[in-house]
Amino acid sequence: MSYHDLTLREIATATHSAVSTVGTWRNGRVPSSRQTLEQLAEVFRVNVEYLIEGRDGRRAGRPTLEEVNDAAGRILEDLDILLSALESHRRKALAPAVKERKKRGQVRP
């Protein structure tokens, strides 16, 4: 629910169900009606099998949480590499100026 930023009431409205019923689904009870399962699958952009068995959960147009986490990890690693490269480049670019300031006694060793 939080992944999709939906409330119990919004899900209840979308599935024509009572809020208390949606609460029982959230706690692990599976809806008995195939129609309700299909409505829930549509709301969460997953297939019915994913709701029932937790498998084959490819989301239509949306990555899985695992895919998002993997991508975020790769992005953070890439940012680390870029920041290190930028820092190295900055040090090399400033090296002549620092060397000159040291010669003049303007920079502490």
PDB file of N, CA and C in Angstrom:
ATOM      1  N   MET A   1       0.819  -1.195   0.000  1.00  0.00           N
ATOM      2  CA  MET A   1       0.000   0.000   0.000  1.00  0.00           C
ATOM      3  C   MET A   1       0.863   1.260   0.000  1.00  0.00           C
ATOM      4  N   SER A   2       1.882   1.269   0.852  1.00  0.00           N
ATOM      5  CA  SER A   2       2.714   2.465   0.926  1.00  0.00           C
ATOM      6  C   SER A   2       3.515   2.655  -0.365  1.00  0.00           C
ATOM      7  N   TYR A   3       3.916   1.556  -1.001  1.00  0.00           N
ATOM      8  CA  TYR A   3       4.647   1.650  -2.259  1.00  0.00           C
ATOM      9  C   TYR A   3       3.823   2.396  -3.302  1.00  0.00           C
ATOM     10  N   HIS A   4       2.522   2.152  -3.294  1.00  0.00           N
ATOM     11  CA  HIS A   4       1.624   2.800  -4.253  1.00  0.00           C
ATOM     12  C   HIS A   4       0.966   4.040  -3.672  1.00  0.00           C
ATOM     13  N   ASP A   5       1.278   4.354  -2.414  1.00  0.00           N
ATOM     14  CA  ASP A   5       0.725   5.519  -1.734  1.00  0.00           C
ATOM     15  C   ASP A   5      -0.807   5.483  -1.733  1.00  0.00           C
ATOM     16  N   LEU A   6      -1.362   4.327  -1.321  1.00  0.00           N
ATOM     17  CA  LEU A   6      -2.807   4.148  -1.272  1.00  0.00           C
ATOM     18  C   LEU A   6      -3.263   3.907   0.165  1.00  0.00           C
ATOM     19  N   THR A   7      -4.464   4.370   0.470  1.00  0.00           N
ATOM     20  CA  THR A   7      -5.046   4.128   1.783  1.00  0.00           C
ATOM     21  C   THR A   7      -6.004   2.946   1.697  1.00  0.00           C
ATOM     22  N   LEU A   8      -6.385   2.433   2.866  1.00  0.00           N
ATOM     23  CA  LEU A   8      -7.389   1.358   2.892  1.00  0.00           C
ATOM     24  C   LEU A   8      -8.673   1.813   2.205  1.00  0.00           C
ATOM     25  N   ARG A   9      -9.057   3.047   2.466  1.00  0.00           N
ATOM     26  CA  ARG A   9     -10.297   3.570   1.878  1.00  0.00           C
ATOM     27  C   ARG A   9     -10.228   3.609   0.351  1.00  0.00           C
ATOM     28  N   GLU A  10      -9.077   4.025  -0.183  1.00  0.00           N
ATOM     29  CA  GLU A  10      -8.930   4.082  -1.640  1.00  0.00           C
ATOM     30  C   GLU A  10      -9.004   2.686  -2.255  1.00  0.00           C
ATOM     31  N   ILE A  11      -8.391   1.727  -1.596  1.00  0.00           N
ATOM     32  CA  ILE A  11      -8.450   0.353  -2.099  1.00  0.00           C
ATOM     33  C   ILE A  11      -9.867  -0.184  -1.984  1.00  0.00           C
ATOM     34  N   ALA A  12     -10.516   0.124  -0.879  1.00  0.00           N
ATOM     35  CA  ALA A  12     -11.902  -0.313  -0.682  1.00  0.00           C
ATOM     36  C   ALA A  12     -12.797   0.252  -1.776  1.00  0.00           C
ATOM     37  N   THR A  13     -12.616   1.505  -2.096  1.00  0.00           N
ATOM     38  CA  THR A  13     -13.415   2.141  -3.156  1.00  0.00           C
ATOM     39  C   THR A  13     -13.152   1.473  -4.499  1.00  0.00           C
ATOM     40  N   ALA A  14     -11.885   1.234  -4.807  1.00  0.00           N
ATOM     41  CA  ALA A  14     -11.517   0.644  -6.096  1.00  0.00           C
ATOM     42  C   ALA A  14     -12.042  -0.778  -6.252  1.00  0.00           C
ATOM     43  N   THR A  15     -12.187  -1.498  -5.129  1.00  0.00           N
ATOM     44  CA  THR A  15     -12.635  -2.895  -5.192  1.00  0.00           C
ATOM     45  C   THR A  15     -14.080  -3.080  -4.748  1.00  0.00           C
ATOM     46  N   HIS A  16     -14.748  -1.970  -4.460  1.00  0.00           N
ATOM     47  CA  HIS A  16     -16.147  -2.000  -4.002  1.00  0.00           C
ATOM     48  C   HIS A  16     -16.294  -2.886  -2.766  1.00  0.00           C
ATOM     49  N   SER A  17     -15.368  -2.688  -1.822  1.00  0.00           N
ATOM     50  CA  SER A  17     -15.338  -3.492  -0.601  1.00  0.00           C
ATOM     51  C   SER A  17     -15.360  -2.575   0.617  1.00  0.00           C
ATOM     52  N   ALA A  18     -15.619  -3.159   1.779  1.00  0.00           N
ATOM     53  CA  ALA A  18     -15.584  -2.403   3.025  1.00  0.00           C
ATOM     54  C   ALA A  18     -14.134  -2.181   3.445  1.00  0.00           C
ATOM     55  N   VAL A  19     -13.881  -1.065   4.106  1.00  0.00           N
ATOM     56  CA  VAL A  19     -12.543  -0.759   4.593  1.00  0.00           C
ATOM     57  C   VAL A  19     -12.058  -1.872   5.531  1.00  0.00           C
ATOM     58  N   SER A  20     -12.944  -2.388   6.373  1.00  0.00           N
ATOM     59  CA  SER A  20     -12.550  -3.456   7.298  1.00  0.00           C
ATOM     60  C   SER A  20     -12.139  -4.721   6.538  1.00  0.00           C
ATOM     61  N   THR A  21     -12.797  -4.978   5.423  1.00  0.00           N
ATOM     62  CA  THR A  21     -12.442  -6.142   4.596  1.00  0.00           C
ATOM     63  C   THR A  21     -11.043  -5.971   4.018  1.00  0.00           C
ATOM     64  N   VAL A  22     -10.751  -4.761   3.527  1.00  0.00           N
ATOM     65  CA  VAL A  22      -9.426  -4.482   2.978  1.00  0.00           C
ATOM     66  C   VAL A  22      -8.377  -4.644   4.075  1.00  0.00           C
ATOM     67  N   GLY A  23      -8.727  -4.265   5.291  1.00  0.00           N
ATOM     68  CA  GLY A  23      -7.817  -4.446   6.424  1.00  0.00           C
ATOM     69  C   GLY A  23      -7.478  -5.907   6.653  1.00  0.00           C
ATOM     70  N   THR A  24      -8.455  -6.786   6.468  1.00  0.00           N
ATOM     71  CA  THR A  24      -8.165  -8.220   6.635  1.00  0.00           C
ATOM     72  C   THR A  24      -7.269  -8.724   5.518  1.00  0.00           C
ATOM     73  N   TRP A  25      -7.410  -8.164   4.311  1.00  0.00           N
ATOM     74  CA  TRP A  25      -6.526  -8.545   3.210  1.00  0.00           C
ATOM     75  C   TRP A  25      -5.100  -8.115   3.522  1.00  0.00           C
ATOM     76  N   ARG A  26      -4.971  -6.922   4.070  1.00  0.00           N
ATOM     77  CA  ARG A  26      -3.642  -6.411   4.405  1.00  0.00           C
ATOM     78  C   ARG A  26      -2.962  -7.313   5.436  1.00  0.00           C
ATOM     79  N   ASN A  27      -3.763  -7.927   6.284  1.00  0.00           N
ATOM     80  CA  ASN A  27      -3.224  -8.805   7.319  1.00  0.00           C
ATOM     81  C   ASN A  27      -3.040 -10.246   6.856  1.00  0.00           C
ATOM     82  N   GLY A  28      -3.231 -10.499   5.561  1.00  0.00           N
ATOM     83  CA  GLY A  28      -2.911 -11.816   5.025  1.00  0.00           C
ATOM     84  C   GLY A  28      -4.071 -12.640   4.513  1.00  0.00           C
ATOM     85  N   ARG A  29      -5.289 -12.221   4.746  1.00  0.00           N
ATOM     86  CA  ARG A  29      -6.436 -12.985   4.239  1.00  0.00           C
ATOM     87  C   ARG A  29      -6.582 -12.713   2.744  1.00  0.00           C
ATOM     88  N   VAL A  30      -6.784 -13.763   1.974  1.00  0.00           N
ATOM     89  CA  VAL A  30      -6.906 -13.630   0.519  1.00  0.00           C
ATOM     90  C   VAL A  30      -8.381 -13.483   0.158  1.00  0.00           C
ATOM     91  N   PRO A  31      -8.720 -12.506  -0.678  1.00  0.00           N
ATOM     92  CA  PRO A  31     -10.110 -12.359  -1.114  1.00  0.00           C
ATOM     93  C   PRO A  31     -10.595 -13.639  -1.789  1.00  0.00           C
ATOM     94  N   SER A  32     -11.850 -13.989  -1.548  1.00  0.00           N
ATOM     95  CA  SER A  32     -12.381 -15.238  -2.098  1.00  0.00           C
ATOM     96  C   SER A  32     -12.871 -15.098  -3.532  1.00  0.00           C
ATOM     97  N   SER A  33     -13.209 -13.909  -3.954  1.00  0.00           N
ATOM     98  CA  SER A  33     -13.763 -13.693  -5.281  1.00  0.00           C
ATOM     99  C   SER A  33     -12.663 -13.416  -6.312  1.00  0.00           C
ATOM    100  N   ARG A  34     -12.728 -14.121  -7.426  1.00  0.00           N
ATOM    101  CA  ARG A  34     -11.772 -13.900  -8.519  1.00  0.00           C
ATOM    102  C   ARG A  34     -11.871 -12.461  -9.020  1.00  0.00           C
ATOM    103  N   GLN A  35     -13.084 -11.921  -9.057  1.00  0.00           N
ATOM    104  CA  GLN A  35     -13.299 -10.547  -9.524  1.00  0.00           C
ATOM    105  C   GLN A  35     -12.572  -9.558  -8.603  1.00  0.00           C
ATOM    106  N   THR A  36     -12.647  -9.772  -7.304  1.00  0.00           N
ATOM    107  CA  THR A  36     -11.971  -8.894  -6.347  1.00  0.00           C
ATOM    108  C   THR A  36     -10.459  -9.011  -6.513  1.00  0.00           C
ATOM    109  N   LEU A  37      -9.976 -10.236  -6.700  1.00  0.00           N
ATOM    110  CA  LEU A  37      -8.550 -10.418  -6.938  1.00  0.00           C
ATOM    111  C   LEU A  37      -8.092  -9.675  -8.185  1.00  0.00           C
ATOM    112  N   GLU A  38      -8.891  -9.731  -9.224  1.00  0.00           N
ATOM    113  CA  GLU A  38      -8.544  -9.032 -10.458  1.00  0.00           C
ATOM    114  C   GLU A  38      -8.544  -7.521 -10.247  1.00  0.00           C
ATOM    115  N   GLN A  39      -9.503  -7.021  -9.466  1.00  0.00           N
ATOM    116  CA  GLN A  39      -9.538  -5.587  -9.165  1.00  0.00           C
ATOM    117  C   GLN A  39      -8.307  -5.168  -8.360  1.00  0.00           C
ATOM    118  N   LEU A  40      -7.950  -5.990  -7.375  1.00  0.00           N
ATOM    119  CA  LEU A  40      -6.751  -5.692  -6.572  1.00  0.00           C
ATOM    120  C   LEU A  40      -5.492  -5.724  -7.434  1.00  0.00           C
ATOM    121  N   ALA A  41      -5.410  -6.711  -8.298  1.00  0.00           N
ATOM    122  CA  ALA A  41      -4.248  -6.814  -9.189  1.00  0.00           C
ATOM    123  C   ALA A  41      -4.140  -5.564 -10.054  1.00  0.00           C
ATOM    124  N   GLU A  42      -5.263  -5.065 -10.519  1.00  0.00           N
ATOM    125  CA  GLU A  42      -5.266  -3.851 -11.335  1.00  0.00           C
ATOM    126  C   GLU A  42      -4.823  -2.646 -10.511  1.00  0.00           C
ATOM    127  N   VAL A  43      -5.325  -2.542  -9.293  1.00  0.00           N
ATOM    128  CA  VAL A  43      -4.969  -1.418  -8.410  1.00  0.00           C
ATOM    129  C   VAL A  43      -3.459  -1.397  -8.166  1.00  0.00           C
ATOM    130  N   PHE A  44      -2.869  -2.577  -7.897  1.00  0.00           N
ATOM    131  CA  PHE A  44      -1.453  -2.649  -7.564  1.00  0.00           C
ATOM    132  C   PHE A  44      -0.546  -2.917  -8.760  1.00  0.00           C
ATOM    133  N   ARG A  45      -1.141  -3.018  -9.947  1.00  0.00           N
ATOM    134  CA  ARG A  45      -0.393  -3.244 -11.185  1.00  0.00           C
ATOM    135  C   ARG A  45       0.461  -4.503 -11.128  1.00  0.00           C
ATOM    136  N   VAL A  46      -0.130  -5.570 -10.642  1.00  0.00           N
ATOM    137  CA  VAL A  46       0.520  -6.881 -10.622  1.00  0.00           C
ATOM    138  C   VAL A  46      -0.466  -7.887 -11.192  1.00  0.00           C
ATOM    139  N   ASN A  47      -0.027  -9.119 -11.431  1.00  0.00           N
ATOM    140  CA  ASN A  47      -0.989 -10.110 -11.891  1.00  0.00           C
ATOM    141  C   ASN A  47      -1.582 -10.850 -10.692  1.00  0.00           C
ATOM    142  N   VAL A  48      -2.667 -11.538 -10.919  1.00  0.00           N
ATOM    143  CA  VAL A  48      -3.394 -12.226  -9.854  1.00  0.00           C
ATOM    144  C   VAL A  48      -2.516 -13.274  -9.180  1.00  0.00           C
ATOM    145  N   GLU A  49      -1.709 -13.977  -9.960  1.00  0.00           N
ATOM    146  CA  GLU A  49      -0.832 -15.002  -9.397  1.00  0.00           C
ATOM    147  C   GLU A  49       0.119 -14.412  -8.366  1.00  0.00           C
ATOM    148  N   TYR A  50       0.576 -13.206  -8.615  1.00  0.00           N
ATOM    149  CA  TYR A  50       1.459 -12.547  -7.663  1.00  0.00           C
ATOM    150  C   TYR A  50       0.732 -12.290  -6.337  1.00  0.00           C
ATOM    151  N   LEU A  51      -0.523 -11.863  -6.418  1.00  0.00           N
ATOM    152  CA  LEU A  51      -1.306 -11.628  -5.199  1.00  0.00           C
ATOM    153  C   LEU A  51      -1.504 -12.911  -4.405  1.00  0.00           C
ATOM    154  N   ILE A  52      -1.748 -13.990  -5.103  1.00  0.00           N
ATOM    155  CA  ILE A  52      -2.058 -15.255  -4.429  1.00  0.00           C
ATOM    156  C   ILE A  52      -0.794 -15.957  -3.948  1.00  0.00           C
ATOM    157  N   GLU A  53       0.196 -16.064  -4.837  1.00  0.00           N
ATOM    158  CA  GLU A  53       1.362 -16.899  -4.547  1.00  0.00           C
ATOM    159  C   GLU A  53       2.658 -16.127  -4.347  1.00  0.00           C
ATOM    160  N   GLY A  54       2.636 -14.840  -4.651  1.00  0.00           N
ATOM    161  CA  GLY A  54       3.846 -14.050  -4.504  1.00  0.00           C
ATOM    162  C   GLY A  54       4.877 -14.329  -5.576  1.00  0.00           C
ATOM    163  N   ARG A  55       4.463 -14.911  -6.687  1.00  0.00           N
ATOM    164  CA  ARG A  55       5.411 -15.198  -7.775  1.00  0.00           C
ATOM    165  C   ARG A  55       4.937 -14.507  -9.047  1.00  0.00           C
ATOM    166  N   ASP A  56       5.853 -14.437  -9.996  1.00  0.00           N
ATOM    167  CA  ASP A  56       5.553 -13.836 -11.296  1.00  0.00           C
ATOM    168  C   ASP A  56       4.969 -12.441 -11.109  1.00  0.00           C
ATOM    169  N   GLY A  57       5.634 -11.652 -10.308  1.00  0.00           N
ATOM    170  CA  GLY A  57       5.104 -10.341  -9.957  1.00  0.00           C
ATOM    171  C   GLY A  57       5.590  -9.197 -10.802  1.00  0.00           C
ATOM    172  N   ARG A  58       5.849  -9.436 -12.057  1.00  0.00           N
ATOM    173  CA  ARG A  58       6.270  -8.336 -12.909  1.00  0.00           C
ATOM    174  C   ARG A  58       5.172  -7.299 -12.978  1.00  0.00           C
ATOM    175  N   ARG A  59       5.498  -6.103 -12.638  1.00  0.00           N
ATOM    176  CA  ARG A  59       4.517  -5.015 -12.618  1.00  0.00           C
ATOM    177  C   ARG A  59       4.465  -4.376 -14.006  1.00  0.00           C
ATOM    178  N   ALA A  60       3.280  -4.074 -14.427  1.00  0.00           N
ATOM    179  CA  ALA A  60       3.118  -3.446 -15.731  1.00  0.00           C
ATOM    180  C   ALA A  60       3.656  -2.020 -15.663  1.00  0.00           C
ATOM    181  N   GLY A  61       4.789  -1.798 -16.321  1.00  0.00           N
ATOM    182  CA  GLY A  61       5.338  -0.455 -16.366  1.00  0.00           C
ATOM    183  C   GLY A  61       6.075  -0.021 -15.112  1.00  0.00           C
ATOM    184  N   ARG A  62       6.187  -0.874 -14.092  1.00  0.00           N
ATOM    185  CA  ARG A  62       6.869  -0.498 -12.854  1.00  0.00           C
ATOM    186  C   ARG A  62       7.841  -1.597 -12.459  1.00  0.00           C
ATOM    187  N   PRO A  63       9.045  -1.203 -12.036  1.00  0.00           N
ATOM    188  CA  PRO A  63      10.010  -2.214 -11.614  1.00  0.00           C
ATOM    189  C   PRO A  63       9.638  -2.783 -10.246  1.00  0.00           C
ATOM    190  N   THR A  64      10.164  -3.951  -9.951  1.00  0.00           N
ATOM    191  CA  THR A  64       9.951  -4.537  -8.629  1.00  0.00           C
ATOM    192  C   THR A  64      10.823  -3.782  -7.627  1.00  0.00           C
ATOM    193  N   LEU A  65      10.517  -3.935  -6.348  1.00  0.00           N
ATOM    194  CA  LEU A  65      11.295  -3.274  -5.305  1.00  0.00           C
ATOM    195  C   LEU A  65      12.746  -3.736  -5.341  1.00  0.00           C
ATOM    196  N   GLU A  66      12.969  -5.002  -5.606  1.00  0.00           N
ATOM    197  CA  GLU A  66      14.330  -5.535  -5.705  1.00  0.00           C
ATOM    198  C   GLU A  66      15.090  -4.864  -6.848  1.00  0.00           C
ATOM    199  N   GLU A  67      14.421  -4.681  -7.992  1.00  0.00           N
ATOM    200  CA  GLU A  67      15.059  -4.021  -9.129  1.00  0.00           C
ATOM    201  C   GLU A  67      15.399  -2.566  -8.803  1.00  0.00           C
ATOM    202  N   VAL A  68      14.500  -1.899  -8.091  1.00  0.00           N
ATOM    203  CA  VAL A  68      14.747  -0.511  -7.700  1.00  0.00           C
ATOM    204  C   VAL A  68      15.947  -0.437  -6.764  1.00  0.00           C
ATOM    205  N   ASN A  69      16.000  -1.340  -5.780  1.00  0.00           N
ATOM    206  CA  ASN A  69      17.118  -1.347  -4.840  1.00  0.00           C
ATOM    207  C   ASN A  69      18.438  -1.641  -5.543  1.00  0.00           C
ATOM    208  N   ASP A  70      18.426  -2.603  -6.475  1.00  0.00           N
ATOM    209  CA  ASP A  70      19.640  -2.918  -7.237  1.00  0.00           C
ATOM    210  C   ASP A  70      20.107  -1.711  -8.045  1.00  0.00           C
ATOM    211  N   ALA A  71      19.170  -1.064  -8.708  1.00  0.00           N
ATOM    212  CA  ALA A  71      19.514   0.114  -9.515  1.00  0.00           C
ATOM    213  C   ALA A  71      20.042   1.236  -8.629  1.00  0.00           C
ATOM    214  N   ALA A  72      19.409   1.445  -7.485  1.00  0.00           N
ATOM    215  CA  ALA A  72      19.859   2.490  -6.564  1.00  0.00           C
ATOM    216  C   ALA A  72      21.274   2.195  -6.081  1.00  0.00           C
ATOM    217  N   GLY A  73      21.565   0.939  -5.785  1.00  0.00           N
ATOM    218  CA  GLY A  73      22.911   0.561  -5.355  1.00  0.00           C
ATOM    219  C   GLY A  73      23.940   0.838  -6.432  1.00  0.00           C
ATOM    220  N   ARG A  74      23.598   0.504  -7.672  1.00  0.00           N
ATOM    221  CA  ARG A  74      24.526   0.763  -8.784  1.00  0.00           C
ATOM    222  C   ARG A  74      24.735   2.259  -8.980  1.00  0.00           C
ATOM    223  N   ILE A  75      23.679   3.032  -8.844  1.00  0.00           N
ATOM    224  CA  ILE A  75      23.791   4.488  -8.995  1.00  0.00           C
ATOM    225  C   ILE A  75      24.697   5.069  -7.911  1.00  0.00           C
ATOM    226  N   LEU A  76      24.520   4.609  -6.674  1.00  0.00           N
ATOM    227  CA  LEU A  76      25.363   5.097  -5.581  1.00  0.00           C
ATOM    228  C   LEU A  76      26.827   4.735  -5.811  1.00  0.00           C
ATOM    229  N   GLU A  77      27.089   3.523  -6.293  1.00  0.00           N
ATOM    230  CA  GLU A  77      28.465   3.129  -6.602  1.00  0.00           C
ATOM    231  C   GLU A  77      29.047   4.021  -7.697  1.00  0.00           C
ATOM    232  N   ASP A  78      28.245   4.276  -8.738  1.00  0.00           N
ATOM    233  CA  ASP A  78      28.703   5.143  -9.824  1.00  0.00           C
ATOM    234  C   ASP A  78      28.981   6.554  -9.320  1.00  0.00           C
ATOM    235  N   LEU A  79      28.128   7.059  -8.435  1.00  0.00           N
ATOM    236  CA  LEU A  79      28.344   8.395  -7.876  1.00  0.00           C
ATOM    237  C   LEU A  79      29.632   8.453  -7.062  1.00  0.00           C
ATOM    238  N   ASP A  80      29.906   7.401  -6.302  1.00  0.00           N
ATOM    239  CA  ASP A  80      31.159   7.337  -5.543  1.00  0.00           C
ATOM    240  C   ASP A  80      32.356   7.425  -6.483  1.00  0.00           C
ATOM    241  N   ILE A  81      32.308   6.671  -7.566  1.00  0.00           N
ATOM    242  CA  ILE A  81      33.399   6.679  -8.546  1.00  0.00           C
ATOM    243  C   ILE A  81      33.557   8.073  -9.153  1.00  0.00           C
ATOM    244  N   LEU A  82      32.423   8.681  -9.523  1.00  0.00           N
ATOM    245  CA  LEU A  82      32.478  10.021 -10.119  1.00  0.00           C
ATOM    246  C   LEU A  82      33.016  11.055  -9.141  1.00  0.00           C
ATOM    247  N   LEU A  83      32.569  10.992  -7.893  1.00  0.00           N
ATOM    248  CA  LEU A  83      33.043  11.955  -6.898  1.00  0.00           C
ATOM    249  C   LEU A  83      34.543  11.794  -6.650  1.00  0.00           C
ATOM    250  N   SER A  84      35.012  10.557  -6.612  1.00  0.00           N
ATOM    251  CA  SER A  84      36.451  10.317  -6.444  1.00  0.00           C
ATOM    252  C   SER A  84      37.232  10.876  -7.630  1.00  0.00           C
ATOM    253  N   ALA A  85      36.710  10.648  -8.821  1.00  0.00           N
ATOM    254  CA  ALA A  85      37.384  11.156 -10.015  1.00  0.00           C
ATOM    255  C   ALA A  85      37.393  12.683 -10.023  1.00  0.00           C
ATOM    256  N   LEU A  86      36.287  13.302  -9.638  1.00  0.00           N
ATOM    257  CA  LEU A  86      36.227  14.766  -9.589  1.00  0.00           C
ATOM    258  C   LEU A  86      37.193  15.330  -8.550  1.00  0.00           C
ATOM    259  N   GLU A  87      37.262  14.689  -7.404  1.00  0.00           N
ATOM    260  CA  GLU A  87      38.181  15.138  -6.357  1.00  0.00           C
ATOM    261  C   GLU A  87      39.624  15.012  -6.831  1.00  0.00           C
ATOM    262  N   SER A  88      39.950  13.905  -7.476  1.00  0.00           N
ATOM    263  CA  SER A  88      41.291  13.703  -8.009  1.00  0.00           C
ATOM    264  C   SER A  88      41.613  14.766  -9.053  1.00  0.00           C
ATOM    265  N   HIS A  89      40.679  15.030  -9.938  1.00  0.00           N
ATOM    266  CA  HIS A  89      40.869  16.045 -10.979  1.00  0.00           C
ATOM    267  C   HIS A  89      41.052  17.424 -10.350  1.00  0.00           C
ATOM    268  N   ARG A  90      40.256  17.724  -9.330  1.00  0.00           N
ATOM    269  CA  ARG A  90      40.349  19.016  -8.654  1.00  0.00           C
ATOM    270  C   ARG A  90      41.730  19.183  -8.026  1.00  0.00           C
ATOM    271  N   ARG A  91      42.214  18.132  -7.367  1.00  0.00           N
ATOM    272  CA  ARG A  91      43.541  18.205  -6.738  1.00  0.00           C
ATOM    273  C   ARG A  91      44.637  18.435  -7.775  1.00  0.00           C
ATOM    274  N   LYS A  92      44.534  17.722  -8.909  1.00  0.00           N
ATOM    275  CA  LYS A  92      45.540  17.894  -9.961  1.00  0.00           C
ATOM    276  C   LYS A  92      45.479  19.299 -10.551  1.00  0.00           C
ATOM    277  N   ALA A  93      44.258  19.806 -10.726  1.00  0.00           N
ATOM    278  CA  ALA A  93      44.099  21.139 -11.306  1.00  0.00           C
ATOM    279  C   ALA A  93      44.605  22.223 -10.356  1.00  0.00           C
ATOM    280  N   LEU A  94      44.447  22.013  -9.062  1.00  0.00           N
ATOM    281  CA  LEU A  94      44.881  23.010  -8.081  1.00  0.00           C
ATOM    282  C   LEU A  94      46.352  22.872  -7.698  1.00  0.00           C
ATOM    283  N   ALA A  95      46.957  21.751  -8.037  1.00  0.00           N
ATOM    284  CA  ALA A  95      48.335  21.479  -7.623  1.00  0.00           C
ATOM    285  C   ALA A  95      49.311  22.598  -8.000  1.00  0.00           C
ATOM    286  N   PRO A  96      49.312  23.104  -9.233  1.00  0.00           N
ATOM    287  CA  PRO A  96      50.267  24.179  -9.558  1.00  0.00           C
ATOM    288  C   PRO A  96      50.048  25.438  -8.703  1.00  0.00           C
ATOM    289  N   ALA A  97      48.819  25.801  -8.464  1.00  0.00           N
ATOM    290  CA  ALA A  97      48.527  26.990  -7.666  1.00  0.00           C
ATOM    291  C   ALA A  97      48.949  26.789  -6.218  1.00  0.00           C
ATOM    292  N   VAL A  98      48.730  25.611  -5.676  1.00  0.00           N
ATOM    293  CA  VAL A  98      49.125  25.314  -4.305  1.00  0.00           C
ATOM    294  C   VAL A  98      50.648  25.329  -4.195  1.00  0.00           C
ATOM    295  N   LYS A  99      51.298  24.741  -5.190  1.00  0.00           N
ATOM    296  CA  LYS A  99      52.761  24.715  -5.202  1.00  0.00           C
ATOM    297  C   LYS A  99      53.314  26.141  -5.216  1.00  0.00           C
ATOM    298  N   GLU A 100      52.731  26.994  -6.008  1.00  0.00           N
ATOM    299  CA  GLU A 100      53.162  28.396  -6.101  1.00  0.00           C
ATOM    300  C   GLU A 100      52.935  29.119  -4.781  1.00  0.00           C
ATOM    301  N   ARG A 101      51.794  28.877  -4.148  1.00  0.00           N
ATOM    302  CA  ARG A 101      51.500  29.520  -2.858  1.00  0.00           C
ATOM    303  C   ARG A 101      52.463  29.032  -1.788  1.00  0.00           C
ATOM    304  N   LYS A 102      52.830  27.754  -1.837  1.00  0.00           N
ATOM    305  CA  LYS A 102      53.797  27.214  -0.874  1.00  0.00           C
ATOM    306  C   LYS A 102      55.154  27.911  -1.051  1.00  0.00           C
ATOM    307  N   LYS A 103      55.540  28.120  -2.317  1.00  0.00           N
ATOM    308  CA  LYS A 103      56.800  28.797  -2.596  1.00  0.00           C
ATOM    309  C   LYS A 103      56.807  30.178  -1.970  1.00  0.00           C
ATOM    310  N   ARG A 104      55.673  30.848  -2.016  1.00  0.00           N
ATOM    311  CA  ARG A 104      55.568  32.213  -1.481  1.00  0.00           C
ATOM    312  C   ARG A 104      55.338  32.218   0.027  1.00  0.00           C
ATOM    313  N   GLY A 105      55.162  31.044   0.606  1.00  0.00           N
ATOM    314  CA  GLY A 105      54.940  30.960   2.047  1.00  0.00           C
ATOM    315  C   GLY A 105      53.506  31.263   2.458  1.00  0.00           C
ATOM    316  N   GLN A 106      52.572  31.189   1.509  1.00  0.00           N
ATOM    317  CA  GLN A 106      51.183  31.515   1.797  1.00  0.00           C
ATOM    318  C   GLN A 106      50.376  30.291   2.228  1.00  0.00           C
ATOM    319  N   VAL A 107      50.943  29.110   2.100  1.00  0.00           N
ATOM    320  CA  VAL A 107      50.232  27.889   2.467  1.00  0.00           C
ATOM    321  C   VAL A 107      51.049  27.163   3.517  1.00  0.00           C
ATOM    322  N   ARG A 108      50.377  26.762   4.589  1.00  0.00           N
ATOM    323  CA  ARG A 108      51.064  25.999   5.607  1.00  0.00           C
ATOM    324  C   ARG A 108      51.350  24.602   5.099  1.00  0.00           C
ATOM    325  N   PRO A 109      52.534  24.056   5.429  1.00  0.00           N
ATOM    326  CA  PRO A 109      52.885  22.693   4.961  1.00  0.00           C
ATOM    327  C   PRO A 109      52.025  21.638   5.562  1.00  0.00           C
TER     328      PRO A 109
END
